[in-house]
């Protein structure tokens, strides 16, 4: 990624679970933080 103009990227993905989720975390460089997850299990988080 070329970040010469902006260091912001989007981390996108999907979580599949038969049991409802309690919470989810994005771990960047070993530093975790909570992220929201949509009802369909997908997530889109800026970093």
ModelCIF file with pLDDT and N, C-alpha, C, O atoms, coordinates in Angstrom:
data_MODEL
#
_entry.id   MODEL 
#
_entity.id                         1 
_entity.type                       polymer 
_entity.pdbx_number_of_molecules   1 
#
_entity_poly.entity_id                      1 
_entity_poly.type                           'polypeptide(L)' 
_entity_poly.nstd_linkage                   no 
_entity_poly.nstd_monomer                   no 
_entity_poly.pdbx_seq_one_letter_code       
;(UNK)(UNK)(UNK)(UNK)(UNK)(UNK)(UNK)(UNK)(UNK)(UNK)(UNK)(UNK)(UNK)(UNK)(UNK)(UNK)
(UNK)(UNK)(UNK)(UNK)(UNK)(UNK)(UNK)(UNK)(UNK)(UNK)(UNK)(UNK)(UNK)(UNK)(UNK)(UNK)
(UNK)(UNK)(UNK)(UNK)(UNK)(UNK)(UNK)(UNK)(UNK)(UNK)(UNK)(UNK)(UNK)(UNK)(UNK)
;
_entity_poly.pdbx_seq_one_letter_code_can   XXXXXXXXXXXXXXXXXXXXXXXXXXXXXXXXXXXXXXXXXXXXXXX 
_entity_poly.pdbx_strand_id                 A 
#
loop_
_entity_poly_seq.entity_id 
_entity_poly_seq.num 
_entity_poly_seq.mon_id 
_entity_poly_seq.hetero 
1 1  UNK n 
1 2  UNK n 
1 3  UNK n 
1 4  UNK n 
1 5  UNK n 
1 6  UNK n 
1 7  UNK n 
1 8  UNK n 
1 9  UNK n 
1 10 UNK n 
1 11 UNK n 
1 12 UNK n 
1 13 UNK n 
1 14 UNK n 
1 15 UNK n 
1 16 UNK n 
1 17 UNK n 
1 18 UNK n 
1 19 UNK n 
1 20 UNK n 
1 21 UNK n 
1 22 UNK n 
1 23 UNK n 
1 24 UNK n 
1 25 UNK n 
1 26 UNK n 
1 27 UNK n 
1 28 UNK n 
1 29 UNK n 
1 30 UNK n 
1 31 UNK n 
1 32 UNK n 
1 33 UNK n 
1 34 UNK n 
1 35 UNK n 
1 36 UNK n 
1 37 UNK n 
1 38 UNK n 
1 39 UNK n 
1 40 UNK n 
1 41 UNK n 
1 42 UNK n 
1 43 UNK n 
1 44 UNK n 
1 45 UNK n 
1 46 UNK n 
1 47 UNK n 
#
_struct_asym.id          A 
_struct_asym.entity_id   1 
#
loop_
_ma_qa_metric.id 
_ma_qa_metric.mode 
_ma_qa_metric.name 
_ma_qa_metric.software_group_id 
_ma_qa_metric.type 
1 global pLDDT . pLDDT 
2 local  pLDDT . pLDDT 
#
_ma_qa_metric_global.metric_id      1 
_ma_qa_metric_global.metric_value   90.36 
_ma_qa_metric_global.model_id       1 
_ma_qa_metric_global.ordinal_id     1 
#
loop_
_ma_qa_metric_local.label_asym_id 
_ma_qa_metric_local.label_comp_id 
_ma_qa_metric_local.label_seq_id 
_ma_qa_metric_local.metric_id 
_ma_qa_metric_local.metric_value 
_ma_qa_metric_local.model_id 
_ma_qa_metric_local.ordinal_id 
A UNK 1  2 89.00 1 1  
A UNK 2  2 87.00 1 2  
A UNK 3  2 82.00 1 3  
A UNK 4  2 77.00 1 4  
A UNK 5  2 79.00 1 5  
A UNK 6  2 83.00 1 6  
A UNK 7  2 86.00 1 7  
A UNK 8  2 89.00 1 8  
A UNK 9  2 91.00 1 9  
A UNK 10 2 91.00 1 10 
A UNK 11 2 95.00 1 11 
A UNK 12 2 95.00 1 12 
A UNK 13 2 95.00 1 13 
A UNK 14 2 96.00 1 14 
A UNK 15 2 95.00 1 15 
A UNK 16 2 92.00 1 16 
A UNK 17 2 89.00 1 17 
A UNK 18 2 82.00 1 18 
A UNK 19 2 83.00 1 19 
A UNK 20 2 89.00 1 20 
A UNK 21 2 91.00 1 21 
A UNK 22 2 91.00 1 22 
A UNK 23 2 92.00 1 23 
A UNK 24 2 94.00 1 24 
A UNK 25 2 94.00 1 25 
A UNK 26 2 94.00 1 26 
A UNK 27 2 94.00 1 27 
A UNK 28 2 93.00 1 28 
A UNK 29 2 89.00 1 29 
A UNK 30 2 88.00 1 30 
A UNK 31 2 88.00 1 31 
A UNK 32 2 91.00 1 32 
A UNK 33 2 91.00 1 33 
A UNK 34 2 92.00 1 34 
A UNK 35 2 92.00 1 35 
A UNK 36 2 92.00 1 36 
A UNK 37 2 93.00 1 37 
A UNK 38 2 92.00 1 38 
A UNK 39 2 91.00 1 39 
A UNK 40 2 93.00 1 40 
A UNK 41 2 93.00 1 41 
A UNK 42 2 94.00 1 42 
A UNK 43 2 94.00 1 43 
A UNK 44 2 93.00 1 44 
A UNK 45 2 92.00 1 45 
A UNK 46 2 90.00 1 46 
A UNK 47 2 91.00 1 47 
#
loop_
_atom_site.group_PDB 
_atom_site.id 
_atom_site.type_symbol 
_atom_site.label_atom_id 
_atom_site.label_alt_id 
_atom_site.label_comp_id 
_atom_site.label_asym_id 
_atom_site.label_entity_id 
_atom_site.label_seq_id 
_atom_site.pdbx_PDB_ins_code 
_atom_site.Cartn_x 
_atom_site.Cartn_y 
_atom_site.Cartn_z 
_atom_site.occupancy 
_atom_site.B_iso_or_equiv 
_atom_site.pdbx_formal_charge 
_atom_site.auth_seq_id 
_atom_site.auth_comp_id 
_atom_site.auth_asym_id 
_atom_site.auth_atom_id 
_atom_site.pdbx_PDB_model_num 
ATOM 1   N N  . UNK A 1 1  ? 0.830   -1.194  0.000  1.00 89.00 ? 1  UNK A N  1 
ATOM 2   C CA . UNK A 1 1  ? 0.000   0.000   0.000  1.00 89.00 ? 1  UNK A CA 1 
ATOM 3   C C  . UNK A 1 1  ? 0.870   1.250   0.000  1.00 89.00 ? 1  UNK A C  1 
ATOM 4   O O  . UNK A 1 1  ? 1.788   1.381   0.810  1.00 89.00 ? 1  UNK A O  1 
ATOM 5   N N  . UNK A 1 2  ? 0.569   2.170   -0.922 1.00 87.00 ? 2  UNK A N  1 
ATOM 6   C CA . UNK A 1 2  ? 1.283   3.442   -0.973 1.00 87.00 ? 2  UNK A CA 1 
ATOM 7   C C  . UNK A 1 2  ? 0.571   4.408   -0.030 1.00 87.00 ? 2  UNK A C  1 
ATOM 8   O O  . UNK A 1 2  ? -0.579  4.781   -0.262 1.00 87.00 ? 2  UNK A O  1 
ATOM 9   N N  . UNK A 1 3  ? 1.264   4.811   1.036  1.00 82.00 ? 3  UNK A N  1 
ATOM 10  C CA . UNK A 1 3  ? 0.656   5.670   2.041  1.00 82.00 ? 3  UNK A CA 1 
ATOM 11  C C  . UNK A 1 3  ? 1.283   7.049   2.041  1.00 82.00 ? 3  UNK A C  1 
ATOM 12  O O  . UNK A 1 3  ? 1.237   7.762   3.044  1.00 82.00 ? 3  UNK A O  1 
ATOM 13  N N  . UNK A 1 4  ? 1.866   7.421   0.921  1.00 77.00 ? 4  UNK A N  1 
ATOM 14  C CA . UNK A 1 4  ? 2.518   8.723   0.873  1.00 77.00 ? 4  UNK A CA 1 
ATOM 15  C C  . UNK A 1 4  ? 1.507   9.854   1.005  1.00 77.00 ? 4  UNK A C  1 
ATOM 16  O O  . UNK A 1 4  ? 1.834   10.930  1.506  1.00 77.00 ? 4  UNK A O  1 
ATOM 17  N N  . UNK A 1 5  ? 0.271   9.610   0.554  1.00 79.00 ? 5  UNK A N  1 
ATOM 18  C CA . UNK A 1 5  ? -0.751  10.647  0.662  1.00 79.00 ? 5  UNK A CA 1 
ATOM 19  C C  . UNK A 1 5  ? -1.652  10.415  1.874  1.00 79.00 ? 5  UNK A C  1 
ATOM 20  O O  . UNK A 1 5  ? -2.076  11.369  2.526  1.00 79.00 ? 5  UNK A O  1 
ATOM 21  N N  . UNK A 1 6  ? -1.942  9.157   2.175  1.00 83.00 ? 6  UNK A N  1 
ATOM 22  C CA . UNK A 1 6  ? -2.805  8.862   3.333  1.00 83.00 ? 6  UNK A CA 1 
ATOM 23  C C  . UNK A 1 6  ? -2.422  7.517   3.923  1.00 83.00 ? 6  UNK A C  1 
ATOM 24  O O  . UNK A 1 6  ? -2.305  6.533   3.194  1.00 83.00 ? 6  UNK A O  1 
ATOM 25  N N  . UNK A 1 7  ? -2.224  7.462   5.237  1.00 86.00 ? 7  UNK A N  1 
ATOM 26  C CA . UNK A 1 7  ? -1.890  6.181   5.879  1.00 86.00 ? 7  UNK A CA 1 
ATOM 27  C C  . UNK A 1 7  ? -3.127  5.355   6.244  1.00 86.00 ? 7  UNK A C  1 
ATOM 28  O O  . UNK A 1 7  ? -2.990  4.292   6.851  1.00 86.00 ? 7  UNK A O  1 
ATOM 29  N N  . UNK A 1 8  ? -4.332  5.820   5.889  1.00 89.00 ? 8  UNK A N  1 
ATOM 30  C CA . UNK A 1 8  ? -5.560  5.148   6.294  1.00 89.00 ? 8  UNK A CA 1 
ATOM 31  C C  . UNK A 1 8  ? -5.910  4.055   5.293  1.00 89.00 ? 8  UNK A C  1 
ATOM 32  O O  . UNK A 1 8  ? -5.919  4.294   4.086  1.00 89.00 ? 8  UNK A O  1 
ATOM 33  N N  . UNK A 1 9  ? -6.198  2.855   5.794  1.00 91.00 ? 9  UNK A N  1 
ATOM 34  C CA . UNK A 1 9  ? -6.676  1.752   4.966  1.00 91.00 ? 9  UNK A CA 1 
ATOM 35  C C  . UNK A 1 9  ? -7.941  1.185   5.594  1.00 91.00 ? 9  UNK A C  1 
ATOM 36  O O  . UNK A 1 9  ? -8.291  1.542   6.719  1.00 91.00 ? 9  UNK A O  1 
ATOM 37  N N  . UNK A 1 10 ? -8.622  0.308   4.879  1.00 91.00 ? 10 UNK A N  1 
ATOM 38  C CA . UNK A 1 10 ? -9.807  -0.381  5.385  1.00 91.00 ? 10 UNK A CA 1 
ATOM 39  C C  . UNK A 1 10 ? -9.508  -1.864  5.499  1.00 91.00 ? 10 UNK A C  1 
ATOM 40  O O  . UNK A 1 10 ? -9.027  -2.494  4.557  1.00 91.00 ? 10 UNK A O  1 
ATOM 41  N N  . UNK A 1 11 ? -9.803  -2.409  6.673  1.00 95.00 ? 11 UNK A N  1 
ATOM 42  C CA . UNK A 1 11 ? -9.671  -3.850  6.897  1.00 95.00 ? 11 UNK A CA 1 
ATOM 43  C C  . UNK A 1 11 ? -11.071 -4.435  6.804  1.00 95.00 ? 11 UNK A C  1 
ATOM 44  O O  . UNK A 1 11 ? -11.957 -4.084  7.584  1.00 95.00 ? 11 UNK A O  1 
ATOM 45  N N  . UNK A 1 12 ? -11.262 -5.334  5.838  1.00 95.00 ? 12 UNK A N  1 
ATOM 46  C CA . UNK A 1 12 ? -12.589 -5.890  5.565  1.00 95.00 ? 12 UNK A CA 1 
ATOM 47  C C  . UNK A 1 12 ? -12.529 -7.412  5.637  1.00 95.00 ? 12 UNK A C  1 
ATOM 48  O O  . UNK A 1 12 ? -11.524 -8.019  5.268  1.00 95.00 ? 12 UNK A O  1 
ATOM 49  N N  . UNK A 1 13 ? -13.626 -8.032  6.121  1.00 95.00 ? 13 UNK A N  1 
ATOM 50  C CA . UNK A 1 13 ? -13.667 -9.488  6.199  1.00 95.00 ? 13 UNK A CA 1 
ATOM 51  C C  . UNK A 1 13 ? -15.016 -9.998  6.652  1.00 95.00 ? 13 UNK A C  1 
ATOM 52  O O  . UNK A 1 13 ? -16.005 -9.265  6.664  1.00 95.00 ? 13 UNK A O  1 
ATOM 53  N N  . UNK A 1 14 ? -15.041 -11.281 7.030  1.00 96.00 ? 14 UNK A N  1 
ATOM 54  C CA . UNK A 1 14 ? -16.302 -11.920 7.428  1.00 96.00 ? 14 UNK A CA 1 
ATOM 55  C C  . UNK A 1 14 ? -16.035 -12.914 8.546  1.00 96.00 ? 14 UNK A C  1 
ATOM 56  O O  . UNK A 1 14 ? -14.996 -13.573 8.584  1.00 96.00 ? 14 UNK A O  1 
ATOM 57  N N  . UNK A 1 15 ? -17.016 -13.004 9.472  1.00 95.00 ? 15 UNK A N  1 
ATOM 58  C CA . UNK A 1 15 ? -16.969 -13.956 10.593 1.00 95.00 ? 15 UNK A CA 1 
ATOM 59  C C  . UNK A 1 15 ? -18.178 -14.869 10.467 1.00 95.00 ? 15 UNK A C  1 
ATOM 60  O O  . UNK A 1 15 ? -19.313 -14.399 10.388 1.00 95.00 ? 15 UNK A O  1 
ATOM 61  N N  . UNK A 1 16 ? -17.935 -16.158 10.449 1.00 92.00 ? 16 UNK A N  1 
ATOM 62  C CA . UNK A 1 16 ? -19.025 -17.137 10.371 1.00 92.00 ? 16 UNK A CA 1 
ATOM 63  C C  . UNK A 1 16 ? -19.090 -17.887 11.697 1.00 92.00 ? 16 UNK A C  1 
ATOM 64  O O  . UNK A 1 16 ? -18.104 -18.462 12.159 1.00 92.00 ? 16 UNK A O  1 
ATOM 65  N N  . UNK A 1 17 ? -20.288 -17.863 12.299 1.00 89.00 ? 17 UNK A N  1 
ATOM 66  C CA . UNK A 1 17 ? -20.458 -18.499 13.611 1.00 89.00 ? 17 UNK A CA 1 
ATOM 67  C C  . UNK A 1 17 ? -21.884 -19.002 13.741 1.00 89.00 ? 17 UNK A C  1 
ATOM 68  O O  . UNK A 1 17 ? -22.830 -18.283 13.419 1.00 89.00 ? 17 UNK A O  1 
ATOM 69  N N  . UNK A 1 18 ? -22.046 -20.242 14.214 1.00 82.00 ? 18 UNK A N  1 
ATOM 70  C CA . UNK A 1 18 ? -23.386 -20.779 14.459 1.00 82.00 ? 18 UNK A CA 1 
ATOM 71  C C  . UNK A 1 18 ? -23.997 -20.202 15.736 1.00 82.00 ? 18 UNK A C  1 
ATOM 72  O O  . UNK A 1 18 ? -25.216 -20.184 15.905 1.00 82.00 ? 18 UNK A O  1 
ATOM 73  N N  . UNK A 1 19 ? -23.132 -19.736 16.624 1.00 83.00 ? 19 UNK A N  1 
ATOM 74  C CA . UNK A 1 19 ? -23.575 -19.142 17.888 1.00 83.00 ? 19 UNK A CA 1 
ATOM 75  C C  . UNK A 1 19 ? -23.432 -17.630 17.798 1.00 83.00 ? 19 UNK A C  1 
ATOM 76  O O  . UNK A 1 19 ? -22.440 -17.147 17.253 1.00 83.00 ? 19 UNK A O  1 
ATOM 77  N N  . UNK A 1 20 ? -24.391 -16.867 18.315 1.00 89.00 ? 20 UNK A N  1 
ATOM 78  C CA . UNK A 1 20 ? -24.269 -15.400 18.247 1.00 89.00 ? 20 UNK A CA 1 
ATOM 79  C C  . UNK A 1 20 ? -22.953 -14.914 18.843 1.00 89.00 ? 20 UNK A C  1 
ATOM 80  O O  . UNK A 1 20 ? -22.451 -15.470 19.820 1.00 89.00 ? 20 UNK A O  1 
ATOM 81  N N  . UNK A 1 21 ? -22.408 -13.864 18.231 1.00 91.00 ? 21 UNK A N  1 
ATOM 82  C CA . UNK A 1 21 ? -21.135 -13.315 18.682 1.00 91.00 ? 21 UNK A CA 1 
ATOM 83  C C  . UNK A 1 21 ? -21.327 -12.409 19.884 1.00 91.00 ? 21 UNK A C  1 
ATOM 84  O O  . UNK A 1 21 ? -22.344 -11.727 20.005 1.00 91.00 ? 21 UNK A O  1 
ATOM 85  N N  . UNK A 1 22 ? -20.342 -12.408 20.772 1.00 91.00 ? 22 UNK A N  1 
ATOM 86  C CA . UNK A 1 22 ? -20.340 -11.513 21.917 1.00 91.00 ? 22 UNK A CA 1 
ATOM 87  C C  . UNK A 1 22 ? -19.507 -10.270 21.628 1.00 91.00 ? 22 UNK A C  1 
ATOM 88  O O  . UNK A 1 22 ? -19.940 -9.157  21.930 1.00 91.00 ? 22 UNK A O  1 
ATOM 89  N N  . UNK A 1 23 ? -18.314 -10.439 21.045 1.00 92.00 ? 23 UNK A N  1 
ATOM 90  C CA . UNK A 1 23 ? -17.483 -9.302  20.685 1.00 92.00 ? 23 UNK A CA 1 
ATOM 91  C C  . UNK A 1 23 ? -16.412 -9.752  19.706 1.00 92.00 ? 23 UNK A C  1 
ATOM 92  O O  . UNK A 1 23 ? -16.109 -10.939 19.584 1.00 92.00 ? 23 UNK A O  1 
ATOM 93  N N  . UNK A 1 24 ? -15.846 -8.767  19.008 1.00 94.00 ? 24 UNK A N  1 
ATOM 94  C CA . UNK A 1 24 ? -14.779 -9.047  18.043 1.00 94.00 ? 24 UNK A CA 1 
ATOM 95  C C  . UNK A 1 24 ? -13.699 -7.985  18.194 1.00 94.00 ? 24 UNK A C  1 
ATOM 96  O O  . UNK A 1 24 ? -13.962 -6.862  18.623 1.00 94.00 ? 24 UNK A O  1 
ATOM 97  N N  . UNK A 1 25 ? -12.454 -8.372  17.823 1.00 94.00 ? 25 UNK A N  1 
ATOM 98  C CA . UNK A 1 25 ? -11.300 -7.484  17.983 1.00 94.00 ? 25 UNK A CA 1 
ATOM 99  C C  . UNK A 1 25 ? -10.488 -7.469  16.689 1.00 94.00 ? 25 UNK A C  1 
ATOM 100 O O  . UNK A 1 25 ? -10.336 -8.492  16.022 1.00 94.00 ? 25 UNK A O  1 
ATOM 101 N N  . UNK A 1 26 ? -9.975  -6.297  16.353 1.00 94.00 ? 26 UNK A N  1 
ATOM 102 C CA . UNK A 1 26 ? -8.944  -6.162  15.335 1.00 94.00 ? 26 UNK A CA 1 
ATOM 103 C C  . UNK A 1 26 ? -7.618  -5.987  16.063 1.00 94.00 ? 26 UNK A C  1 
ATOM 104 O O  . UNK A 1 26 ? -7.455  -5.070  16.867 1.00 94.00 ? 26 UNK A O  1 
ATOM 105 N N  . UNK A 1 27 ? -6.668  -6.883  15.771 1.00 94.00 ? 27 UNK A N  1 
ATOM 106 C CA . UNK A 1 27 ? -5.362  -6.850  16.436 1.00 94.00 ? 27 UNK A CA 1 
ATOM 107 C C  . UNK A 1 27 ? -4.342  -6.344  15.426 1.00 94.00 ? 27 UNK A C  1 
ATOM 108 O O  . UNK A 1 27 ? -3.999  -7.042  14.472 1.00 94.00 ? 27 UNK A O  1 
ATOM 109 N N  . UNK A 1 28 ? -3.861  -5.123  15.645 1.00 93.00 ? 28 UNK A N  1 
ATOM 110 C CA . UNK A 1 28 ? -2.872  -4.514  14.750 1.00 93.00 ? 28 UNK A CA 1 
ATOM 111 C C  . UNK A 1 28 ? -1.555  -4.404  15.491 1.00 93.00 ? 28 UNK A C  1 
ATOM 112 O O  . UNK A 1 28 ? -1.447  -3.743  16.523 1.00 93.00 ? 28 UNK A O  1 
ATOM 113 N N  . UNK A 1 29 ? -0.564  -5.068  14.936 1.00 89.00 ? 29 UNK A N  1 
ATOM 114 C CA . UNK A 1 29 ? 0.782   -5.052  15.554 1.00 89.00 ? 29 UNK A CA 1 
ATOM 115 C C  . UNK A 1 29 ? 0.698   -5.443  17.036 1.00 89.00 ? 29 UNK A C  1 
ATOM 116 O O  . UNK A 1 29 ? 1.340   -4.826  17.886 1.00 89.00 ? 29 UNK A O  1 
ATOM 117 N N  . UNK A 1 30 ? -0.106  -6.481  17.332 1.00 88.00 ? 30 UNK A N  1 
ATOM 118 C CA . UNK A 1 30 ? -0.277  -7.024  18.690 1.00 88.00 ? 30 UNK A CA 1 
ATOM 119 C C  . UNK A 1 30 ? -1.048  -6.098  19.613 1.00 88.00 ? 30 UNK A C  1 
ATOM 120 O O  . UNK A 1 30 ? -1.053  -6.319  20.824 1.00 88.00 ? 30 UNK A O  1 
ATOM 121 N N  . UNK A 1 31 ? -1.706  -5.058  19.082 1.00 88.00 ? 31 UNK A N  1 
ATOM 122 C CA . UNK A 1 31 ? -2.522  -4.164  19.902 1.00 88.00 ? 31 UNK A CA 1 
ATOM 123 C C  . UNK A 1 31 ? -3.992  -4.389  19.529 1.00 88.00 ? 31 UNK A C  1 
ATOM 124 O O  . UNK A 1 31 ? -4.383  -4.063  18.408 1.00 88.00 ? 31 UNK A O  1 
ATOM 125 N N  . UNK A 1 32 ? -4.831  -4.944  20.446 1.00 91.00 ? 32 UNK A N  1 
ATOM 126 C CA . UNK A 1 32 ? -6.227  -5.241  20.083 1.00 91.00 ? 32 UNK A CA 1 
ATOM 127 C C  . UNK A 1 32 ? -7.146  -4.054  20.343 1.00 91.00 ? 32 UNK A C  1 
ATOM 128 O O  . UNK A 1 32 ? -6.893  -3.233  21.225 1.00 91.00 ? 32 UNK A O  1 
ATOM 129 N N  . UNK A 1 33 ? -8.210  -3.982  19.566 1.00 91.00 ? 33 UNK A N  1 
ATOM 130 C CA . UNK A 1 33 ? -9.278  -3.024  19.841 1.00 91.00 ? 33 UNK A CA 1 
ATOM 131 C C  . UNK A 1 33 ? -10.590 -3.605  19.304 1.00 91.00 ? 33 UNK A C  1 
ATOM 132 O O  . UNK A 1 33 ? -10.606 -4.357  18.329 1.00 91.00 ? 33 UNK A O  1 
ATOM 133 N N  . UNK A 1 34 ? -11.692 -3.232  19.971 1.00 92.00 ? 34 UNK A N  1 
ATOM 134 C CA . UNK A 1 34 ? -13.007 -3.727  19.569 1.00 92.00 ? 34 UNK A CA 1 
ATOM 135 C C  . UNK A 1 34 ? -13.388 -3.174  18.201 1.00 92.00 ? 34 UNK A C  1 
ATOM 136 O O  . UNK A 1 34 ? -13.041 -2.050  17.838 1.00 92.00 ? 34 UNK A O  1 
ATOM 137 N N  . UNK A 1 35 ? -14.119 -4.007  17.451 1.00 92.00 ? 35 UNK A N  1 
ATOM 138 C CA . UNK A 1 35 ? -14.669 -3.571  16.168 1.00 92.00 ? 35 UNK A CA 1 
ATOM 139 C C  . UNK A 1 35 ? -16.115 -4.025  16.077 1.00 92.00 ? 35 UNK A C  1 
ATOM 140 O O  . UNK A 1 35 ? -16.472 -5.048  16.660 1.00 92.00 ? 35 UNK A O  1 
ATOM 141 N N  . UNK A 1 36 ? -16.967 -3.279  15.351 1.00 92.00 ? 36 UNK A N  1 
ATOM 142 C CA . UNK A 1 36 ? -18.356 -3.707  15.167 1.00 92.00 ? 36 UNK A CA 1 
ATOM 143 C C  . UNK A 1 36 ? -18.462 -4.760  14.071 1.00 92.00 ? 36 UNK A C  1 
ATOM 144 O O  . UNK A 1 36 ? -17.681 -4.768  13.120 1.00 92.00 ? 36 UNK A O  1 
ATOM 145 N N  . UNK A 1 37 ? -19.442 -5.649  14.222 1.00 93.00 ? 37 UNK A N  1 
ATOM 146 C CA . UNK A 1 37 ? -19.709 -6.693  13.233 1.00 93.00 ? 37 UNK A CA 1 
ATOM 147 C C  . UNK A 1 37 ? -21.166 -6.583  12.811 1.00 93.00 ? 37 UNK A C  1 
ATOM 148 O O  . UNK A 1 37 ? -22.056 -6.480  13.655 1.00 93.00 ? 37 UNK A O  1 
ATOM 149 N N  . UNK A 1 38 ? -21.408 -6.604  11.502 1.00 92.00 ? 38 UNK A N  1 
ATOM 150 C CA . UNK A 1 38 ? -22.777 -6.509  11.002 1.00 92.00 ? 38 UNK A CA 1 
ATOM 151 C C  . UNK A 1 38 ? -23.532 -7.803  11.279 1.00 92.00 ? 38 UNK A C  1 
ATOM 152 O O  . UNK A 1 38 ? -22.939 -8.820  11.639 1.00 92.00 ? 38 UNK A O  1 
ATOM 153 N N  . UNK A 1 39 ? -24.870 -7.745  11.103 1.00 91.00 ? 39 UNK A N  1 
ATOM 154 C CA . UNK A 1 39 ? -25.698 -8.920  11.370 1.00 91.00 ? 39 UNK A CA 1 
ATOM 155 C C  . UNK A 1 39 ? -25.335 -10.097 10.479 1.00 91.00 ? 39 UNK A C  1 
ATOM 156 O O  . UNK A 1 39 ? -25.482 -11.250 10.885 1.00 91.00 ? 39 UNK A O  1 
ATOM 157 N N  . UNK A 1 40 ? -24.862 -9.820  9.269  1.00 93.00 ? 40 UNK A N  1 
ATOM 158 C CA . UNK A 1 40 ? -24.489 -10.914 8.364  1.00 93.00 ? 40 UNK A CA 1 
ATOM 159 C C  . UNK A 1 40 ? -23.080 -11.432 8.628  1.00 93.00 ? 40 UNK A C  1 
ATOM 160 O O  . UNK A 1 40 ? -22.592 -12.285 7.887  1.00 93.00 ? 40 UNK A O  1 
ATOM 161 N N  . UNK A 1 41 ? -22.408 -10.924 9.684  1.00 93.00 ? 41 UNK A N  1 
ATOM 162 C CA . UNK A 1 41 ? -21.084 -11.406 10.051 1.00 93.00 ? 41 UNK A CA 1 
ATOM 163 C C  . UNK A 1 41 ? -19.939 -10.681 9.379  1.00 93.00 ? 41 UNK A C  1 
ATOM 164 O O  . UNK A 1 41 ? -18.780 -10.997 9.650  1.00 93.00 ? 41 UNK A O  1 
ATOM 165 N N  . UNK A 1 42 ? -20.218 -9.718  8.509  1.00 94.00 ? 42 UNK A N  1 
ATOM 166 C CA . UNK A 1 42 ? -19.138 -8.992  7.847  1.00 94.00 ? 42 UNK A CA 1 
ATOM 167 C C  . UNK A 1 42 ? -18.688 -7.810  8.703  1.00 94.00 ? 42 UNK A C  1 
ATOM 168 O O  . UNK A 1 42 ? -19.430 -7.339  9.565  1.00 94.00 ? 42 UNK A O  1 
ATOM 169 N N  . UNK A 1 43 ? -17.491 -7.348  8.463  1.00 94.00 ? 43 UNK A N  1 
ATOM 170 C CA . UNK A 1 43 ? -16.965 -6.185  9.184  1.00 94.00 ? 43 UNK A CA 1 
ATOM 171 C C  . UNK A 1 43 ? -16.143 -5.337  8.218  1.00 94.00 ? 43 UNK A C  1 
ATOM 172 O O  . UNK A 1 43 ? -15.559 -5.850  7.263  1.00 94.00 ? 43 UNK A O  1 
ATOM 173 N N  . UNK A 1 44 ? -16.108 -4.037  8.481  1.00 93.00 ? 44 UNK A N  1 
ATOM 174 C CA . UNK A 1 44 ? -15.312 -3.077  7.721  1.00 93.00 ? 44 UNK A CA 1 
ATOM 175 C C  . UNK A 1 44 ? -14.778 -2.055  8.714  1.00 93.00 ? 44 UNK A C  1 
ATOM 176 O O  . UNK A 1 44 ? -15.535 -1.270  9.284  1.00 93.00 ? 44 UNK A O  1 
ATOM 177 N N  . UNK A 1 45 ? -13.465 -2.077  8.913  1.00 92.00 ? 45 UNK A N  1 
ATOM 178 C CA . UNK A 1 45 ? -12.872 -1.246  9.947  1.00 92.00 ? 45 UNK A CA 1 
ATOM 179 C C  . UNK A 1 45 ? -11.716 -0.428  9.376  1.00 92.00 ? 45 UNK A C  1 
ATOM 180 O O  . UNK A 1 45 ? -10.812 -0.981  8.750  1.00 92.00 ? 45 UNK A O  1 
ATOM 181 N N  . UNK A 1 46 ? -11.745 0.882   9.589  1.00 90.00 ? 46 UNK A N  1 
ATOM 182 C CA . UNK A 1 46 ? -10.631 1.724   9.183  1.00 90.00 ? 46 UNK A CA 1 
ATOM 183 C C  . UNK A 1 46 ? -9.472  1.564   10.156 1.00 90.00 ? 46 UNK A C  1 
ATOM 184 O O  . UNK A 1 46 ? -9.662  1.382   11.358 1.00 90.00 ? 46 UNK A O  1 
ATOM 185 N N  . UNK A 1 47 ? -8.271  1.636   9.604  1.00 91.00 ? 47 UNK A N  1 
ATOM 186 C CA . UNK A 1 47 ? -7.053  1.552   10.412 1.00 91.00 ? 47 UNK A CA 1 
ATOM 187 C C  . UNK A 1 47 ? -6.007  2.441   9.765  1.00 91.00 ? 47 UNK A C  1 
ATOM 188 O O  . UNK A 1 47 ? -4.885  2.539   10.264 1.00 91.00 ? 47 UNK A O  1 
#
